Protein backbone atom coordinates (compact mmCIF):
# COMPACT_ATOMS: atom_id res chain seq x y z
CA MET A 1 117.28 86.64 105.58
CA ALA A 2 114.81 83.82 106.05
CA GLN A 3 115.83 80.56 104.45
CA SER A 4 112.72 79.17 102.76
CA GLY A 5 114.36 76.27 100.92
CA ARG A 6 117.45 74.20 101.46
CA ASP A 7 120.43 75.56 103.32
CA VAL A 8 122.86 76.30 100.49
CA SER A 9 125.53 78.08 102.53
CA GLY A 10 127.78 75.01 102.58
CA MET A 11 127.06 73.77 99.08
CA SER A 12 129.70 73.52 96.40
CA ASN A 13 129.04 74.91 92.91
CA SER A 14 128.43 71.39 91.56
CA GLN A 15 125.82 70.77 94.28
CA LYS A 16 124.09 74.05 93.45
CA HIS A 17 124.03 73.13 89.75
CA LYS A 18 122.50 69.78 90.71
CA LEU A 19 119.80 71.59 92.66
CA ASP A 20 119.13 73.80 89.62
CA ASP A 21 118.65 70.61 87.58
CA GLU A 22 116.08 69.42 90.12
CA HIS A 23 114.18 72.70 89.74
CA ARG A 24 114.29 72.29 85.97
CA GLN A 25 112.79 68.80 86.26
CA TRP A 26 110.01 70.02 88.58
CA ILE A 27 108.85 72.47 85.95
CA GLU A 28 109.48 70.37 82.84
CA ASN A 29 107.45 67.42 84.14
CA ASP A 30 104.31 69.31 85.16
CA ARG A 31 101.50 71.25 83.57
CA PHE A 32 100.98 74.87 84.55
CA GLY A 33 97.56 75.77 85.93
CA ILE A 34 97.37 78.79 83.64
CA ASN A 35 94.63 79.23 81.05
CA ASP A 36 96.74 80.36 78.13
CA LYS A 37 95.13 80.10 74.69
CA ARG A 38 97.86 77.73 73.55
CA ALA A 39 97.36 75.42 76.57
CA LEU A 40 100.98 75.93 77.46
CA HIS A 41 102.70 72.71 78.43
CA THR A 42 106.44 72.42 78.94
CA ARG A 43 106.56 68.97 77.33
CA ARG A 44 106.04 70.83 74.04
CA GLY A 45 108.76 73.32 74.83
CA GLU A 46 112.14 73.98 76.32
CA LEU A 47 112.90 75.67 79.63
CA ASP A 48 115.99 77.82 80.16
CA ILE A 49 116.48 78.67 83.84
CA GLN A 50 118.11 82.09 84.10
CA ASP A 51 118.23 82.58 87.86
CA THR A 52 117.55 80.55 91.01
CA ASP A 53 117.06 82.54 94.22
CA ILE A 54 116.95 79.64 96.67
CA ALA A 55 116.78 81.76 99.82
CA ASN A 56 113.66 83.58 98.62
CA GLY A 57 112.11 80.57 96.92
CA PHE A 58 112.03 81.86 93.33
CA VAL A 59 113.06 80.34 90.01
CA THR A 60 113.07 82.61 86.95
CA GLY A 61 113.22 81.09 83.50
CA VAL A 62 112.32 81.46 79.84
CA ILE A 63 109.99 78.97 78.12
CA ARG A 64 110.42 78.43 74.39
CA VAL A 65 107.26 76.78 73.04
CA LEU A 66 107.80 74.49 70.07
CA GLY A 67 105.55 74.73 67.05
CA THR A 68 105.24 76.38 63.66
CA LYS A 69 106.56 79.59 65.19
CA GLU A 70 108.64 79.74 68.32
CA LYS A 71 107.01 81.68 71.13
CA ARG A 72 108.67 82.66 74.37
CA TYR A 73 107.30 83.26 77.85
CA ARG A 74 108.96 84.42 81.04
CA LEU A 75 108.16 82.31 84.09
CA LYS A 76 108.51 83.09 87.78
CA TYR A 77 108.04 79.96 89.81
CA CYS A 78 107.69 80.36 93.59
CA TYR A 79 108.03 77.52 96.08
CA GLN A 80 108.05 79.21 99.50
CA LYS A 81 105.61 78.97 102.41
CA GLU A 82 103.56 81.99 101.29
CA ALA A 83 103.90 81.32 97.57
CA ARG A 84 100.27 82.09 96.71
CA ASN A 85 100.31 85.47 98.45
CA ALA A 86 103.71 86.36 96.99
CA VAL A 87 102.75 85.49 93.39
CA LEU A 88 99.34 87.18 93.69
CA ALA A 89 100.97 90.33 95.08
CA MET A 90 103.52 90.31 92.24
CA TYR A 91 100.71 89.98 89.69
CA GLN A 92 98.65 92.81 91.25
CA ALA A 93 101.65 95.13 91.57
CA THR A 94 102.63 94.62 87.92
CA MET A 95 99.02 95.09 86.80
CA LEU A 96 98.84 98.38 88.74
CA LEU A 97 102.00 99.70 87.09
CA ARG A 98 100.87 98.53 83.64
CA LYS A 99 97.85 100.83 83.86
CA ILE A 100 100.22 103.79 84.15
CA LEU A 101 103.41 102.66 82.38
CA PRO A 102 102.39 99.96 79.87
CA TRP A 103 105.66 100.25 77.94
CA ASN A 104 107.78 99.82 81.07
CA THR A 105 106.30 96.59 82.43
CA SER A 106 106.06 93.01 81.25
CA PRO A 107 102.77 91.84 79.66
CA LEU A 108 100.92 89.54 82.06
CA ILE A 109 99.33 86.22 81.10
CA GLY A 110 98.27 84.85 84.46
CA TYR A 111 99.16 83.16 87.72
CA ALA A 112 98.07 79.86 89.22
CA PRO A 113 99.13 77.00 91.49
CA ARG A 114 101.49 74.45 90.05
CA ARG A 115 99.72 71.13 89.66
CA ILE A 116 101.63 68.28 91.27
CA ASN A 117 100.65 64.70 92.05
CA ARG A 118 103.82 63.35 93.62
CA ASP A 119 104.39 63.08 97.35
CA ARG A 120 107.83 64.59 97.50
CA ASN A 121 109.49 66.64 100.20
CA LEU A 122 112.86 68.21 99.44
CA TYR A 123 112.85 70.52 102.44
CA SER A 124 114.72 69.92 105.66
CA ASP A 125 112.27 71.42 108.18
CA GLY A 126 109.37 69.08 107.39
CA TRP A 127 106.87 71.35 105.62
CA LYS A 128 105.70 71.13 102.03
CA PRO A 129 105.60 74.63 100.56
CA GLU A 130 102.90 76.06 98.39
CA GLU A 131 103.97 76.15 94.75
CA HIS A 132 102.65 78.87 92.44
CA CYS A 133 103.87 80.40 89.21
CA LEU A 134 103.48 83.68 87.36
CA LEU A 135 103.62 83.73 83.57
CA GLU A 136 104.53 86.87 81.61
CA GLY A 137 104.94 87.70 77.97
CA TRP A 138 108.47 87.66 76.63
CA GLN A 139 110.53 90.84 76.42
CA TYR A 140 114.17 91.05 75.49
CA ILE A 141 116.12 92.60 78.35
CA CYS A 142 119.82 92.79 79.14
CA GLU A 143 121.84 93.26 82.31
CA ARG A 144 122.80 96.84 81.48
CA THR A 145 121.51 99.39 83.99
CA PRO A 146 119.49 102.12 82.24
CA THR A 147 121.07 105.56 82.17
CA HIS A 148 119.38 108.44 83.98
CA MET A 149 118.19 109.76 80.60
CA GLU A 150 116.40 106.44 79.99
CA LEU A 151 115.02 105.81 83.48
CA ILE A 152 114.18 109.10 85.15
CA PRO A 153 111.56 110.44 82.66
CA ASN A 154 109.56 107.24 83.20
CA VAL A 155 109.84 107.49 86.99
CA VAL A 156 108.70 111.12 86.91
CA ASP A 157 105.82 110.08 84.65
CA LEU A 158 104.78 107.43 87.18
CA HIS A 159 104.81 109.95 90.03
CA GLU A 160 102.87 112.60 88.12
CA LYS A 161 100.11 110.37 86.72
CA GLU A 162 96.71 110.27 88.40
CA ILE A 163 96.51 107.65 91.15
CA PRO A 164 94.04 104.81 90.36
CA SER A 165 90.93 105.40 92.46
CA HIS A 166 90.65 101.79 93.68
CA PHE A 167 94.13 102.05 95.19
CA HIS A 168 93.30 104.77 97.73
CA SER A 169 89.54 105.36 97.79
CA GLY A 170 88.23 105.15 101.35
CA TRP A 171 91.55 103.95 102.76
CA GLY A 172 93.66 107.04 103.40
CA LYS A 173 96.19 109.31 101.74
CA PHE A 174 99.41 107.37 102.39
CA GLY A 175 100.39 103.72 102.36
CA SER A 176 98.96 100.69 100.58
CA PRO A 177 95.69 98.78 101.05
CA THR A 178 97.52 95.46 100.71
CA ALA A 179 100.84 93.85 101.58
CA TRP A 180 103.50 93.39 98.91
CA TYR A 181 106.33 90.88 98.83
CA ASP A 182 110.02 91.54 98.35
CA GLY A 183 111.17 87.97 97.85
CA ALA A 184 109.89 85.86 100.73
CA VAL A 185 109.26 88.78 103.09
CA ALA A 186 105.93 90.62 103.18
CA GLN A 187 106.11 94.42 103.34
CA TRP A 188 103.14 96.52 104.35
CA PHE A 189 102.65 100.21 105.04
CA PRO A 190 99.02 100.45 106.31
CA MET A 191 96.96 103.37 105.04
CA HIS A 192 97.00 106.58 107.14
CA ASP A 193 96.00 110.19 106.60
CA ASN A 194 99.53 111.45 107.34
CA TRP A 195 102.91 110.21 106.22
CA ALA A 196 104.54 110.10 109.67
CA ASP A 197 102.02 107.58 111.06
CA CYS A 198 102.11 105.51 107.86
CA PHE A 199 105.91 105.29 107.80
CA LYS A 200 106.13 104.55 111.53
CA GLU A 201 103.60 101.72 111.33
CA GLY A 202 105.27 100.21 108.25
CA LEU A 203 108.68 100.42 109.92
CA ARG A 204 107.29 98.81 113.08
CA LEU A 205 105.92 95.86 111.08
CA THR A 206 109.26 95.48 109.27
CA ILE A 207 111.13 95.44 112.59
CA GLN A 208 108.77 92.78 113.95
CA LYS A 209 109.54 90.54 110.96
CA GLU A 210 113.29 91.09 111.40
CA LYS A 211 113.03 90.03 115.05
CA LYS A 212 111.04 86.97 114.07
CA ILE A 213 113.71 85.95 111.56
CA HIS A 214 116.88 86.82 113.49
CA GLY A 215 115.70 86.73 117.12
CA GLU A 216 115.78 89.32 119.90
CA ASP A 217 118.84 91.49 120.48
CA PRO A 218 119.09 94.13 123.27
CA VAL A 219 121.11 96.63 121.20
CA PHE A 220 118.79 96.28 118.20
CA ASN A 221 115.71 96.65 120.44
CA HIS A 222 117.08 99.87 121.96
CA LEU A 223 117.92 101.28 118.52
CA CYS A 224 114.42 100.47 117.23
CA ARG A 225 112.76 102.17 120.21
CA GLU A 226 114.82 105.31 119.66
CA ILE A 227 113.97 105.40 115.94
CA LEU A 228 110.25 104.77 116.39
CA ASP A 229 109.68 106.95 119.47
CA ARG A 230 111.99 109.88 118.74
CA VAL A 231 113.65 110.02 115.32
CA VAL A 232 110.61 109.43 113.07
CA ASP A 233 108.43 111.97 114.86
CA ARG A 234 111.12 114.65 114.95
CA LEU A 235 111.94 114.25 111.26
CA LEU A 236 108.56 113.59 109.63
CA VAL A 237 105.90 115.30 111.76
CA PRO A 238 107.24 118.84 110.99
CA MET A 239 106.78 118.10 107.27
CA GLU A 240 103.01 118.26 107.81
CA SER A 241 102.78 121.06 110.38
CA HIS A 242 102.88 124.89 110.38
CA GLY A 243 100.90 125.00 107.14
CA ARG A 244 103.20 122.56 105.36
CA SER A 245 101.84 119.52 103.54
CA VAL A 246 103.10 116.41 101.78
CA THR A 247 101.56 115.33 98.48
CA PRO A 248 101.13 111.56 98.10
CA THR A 249 102.29 110.01 94.84
CA LEU A 250 102.30 106.43 93.60
CA VAL A 251 105.88 105.16 93.90
CA HIS A 252 107.42 101.91 92.67
CA GLY A 253 108.82 101.28 96.15
CA ASN A 254 111.63 98.88 95.19
CA LEU A 255 113.59 100.69 92.50
CA TRP A 256 117.26 99.73 92.27
CA ASP A 257 119.63 98.20 89.72
CA LYS A 258 118.34 94.62 90.21
CA THR A 259 114.69 95.56 89.55
CA VAL A 260 115.28 97.83 86.53
CA LYS A 261 116.54 96.36 83.26
CA SER A 262 117.32 97.82 79.87
CA ARG A 263 115.91 96.45 76.61
CA GLY A 264 119.31 96.83 75.04
CA GLY A 265 118.65 99.56 72.51
CA ARG A 266 119.94 103.07 72.92
CA PHE A 267 117.50 105.29 74.89
CA SER A 268 114.94 102.48 74.94
CA ALA A 269 112.23 102.30 77.59
CA PRO A 270 113.49 100.34 80.63
CA VAL A 271 111.49 97.51 82.20
CA LEU A 272 110.46 98.01 85.85
CA MET A 273 110.04 94.78 87.82
CA ASP A 274 109.25 93.49 91.34
CA ALA A 275 107.34 96.59 92.45
CA THR A 276 106.09 97.15 96.00
CA PRO A 277 103.89 100.19 95.24
CA LEU A 278 102.51 102.54 97.84
CA LEU A 279 101.34 106.13 98.20
CA ALA A 280 104.23 108.16 99.62
CA PRO A 281 106.22 111.37 99.05
CA TYR A 282 108.22 111.09 95.83
CA GLU A 283 111.45 111.28 97.87
CA TYR A 284 110.68 107.80 99.22
CA GLU A 285 111.62 106.42 95.78
CA TRP A 286 115.15 107.69 96.21
CA ALA A 287 115.97 105.72 99.39
CA PRO A 288 118.00 102.93 97.65
CA TRP A 289 119.72 105.46 95.40
CA TRP A 290 121.85 106.85 98.24
CA SER A 291 123.67 103.52 98.62
CA GLN A 292 127.16 103.48 97.12
CA THR A 293 126.73 99.83 96.09
CA ASN A 294 123.66 100.62 93.95
CA LYS A 295 124.35 101.36 90.29
CA ILE A 296 121.34 103.70 90.36
CA ASP A 297 123.01 106.27 92.60
CA PHE A 298 122.59 109.87 93.78
CA ASN A 299 123.29 111.17 90.26
CA TYR A 300 119.83 109.87 89.34
CA ILE A 301 118.39 112.07 92.11
CA ASP A 302 119.94 115.14 90.47
CA ALA A 303 118.44 114.03 87.16
CA TYR A 304 115.03 113.57 88.83
CA LEU A 305 115.12 117.12 90.23
CA TRP A 306 116.04 118.46 86.81
CA PHE A 307 113.31 116.56 84.94
CA SER A 308 110.53 117.19 87.47
CA ARG A 309 111.46 120.78 88.41
CA CYS A 310 110.55 119.93 92.00
CA LYS A 311 112.30 120.89 95.22
CA ILE A 312 113.45 118.70 98.07
CA LEU A 313 111.43 119.28 101.23
CA GLU A 314 113.70 121.03 103.70
CA PRO A 315 113.67 120.00 107.37
CA VAL A 316 112.24 122.32 110.02
CA TYR A 317 114.76 123.12 112.72
CA GLU A 318 113.63 123.43 116.33
């Protein structure tokens, strides 16, 4: 994975806590460039940092604004090289999902660059990163992974709702008209009229980024050529041949136990976060669920098939 901030691999826990304190000071001492009605300023509030993802350049925290009535906000503060694009993509992806699943996404307030006046460089490779933040309304969430009874009806609802016209009009049937960000890495599946070409092009772009990050490797290069030139065509092209067709649906694109949180109550609507939406077959949503390390596992696929009454597309044998 690309290291956008300091190299923390050799840091002790005390050093990491010290770095967290630095992040806290960055935010507490500056005004956000966000036009909230209350002119949000952290000098009038308290900041509780919940998570610091140094490798991807994100700090997530909760702001408690002081006043006659305490008000909370959730902040995502990004300090990587492509911070503006990453925060804008996060805002647009959440806004897209809110139009379909308003009860399963966080309310958005805005995004903007962080206003700084100091000449300060805390990065080892000599560049000063862009610094942007995304502000959301507060929702109580816990670390419990939603059960399949809580999660799957909402996922099926997302897949069955009408696709927003601006997302696909004039572009194509599959893919996304824009790039989304999973942490510091941009992901893009360009729009195509068939799923095989869309998936192949998106996979090719992903492989290019991996090579840029980790360098060239002969074994990896051979494996990628085999997948792109032989495996993808033999698996996906038959799905749209001999009178068969694939129906595009709007998928979350990044649905696993770290991007889905429960509100804590029994059978309450889960909160879906960090989406990378695209138009794809609904089976694409299941890709992370086959992993044995993911708490959202293959049992959720069985629940999806039961709730949606759909069938898995069977492969065509030569």
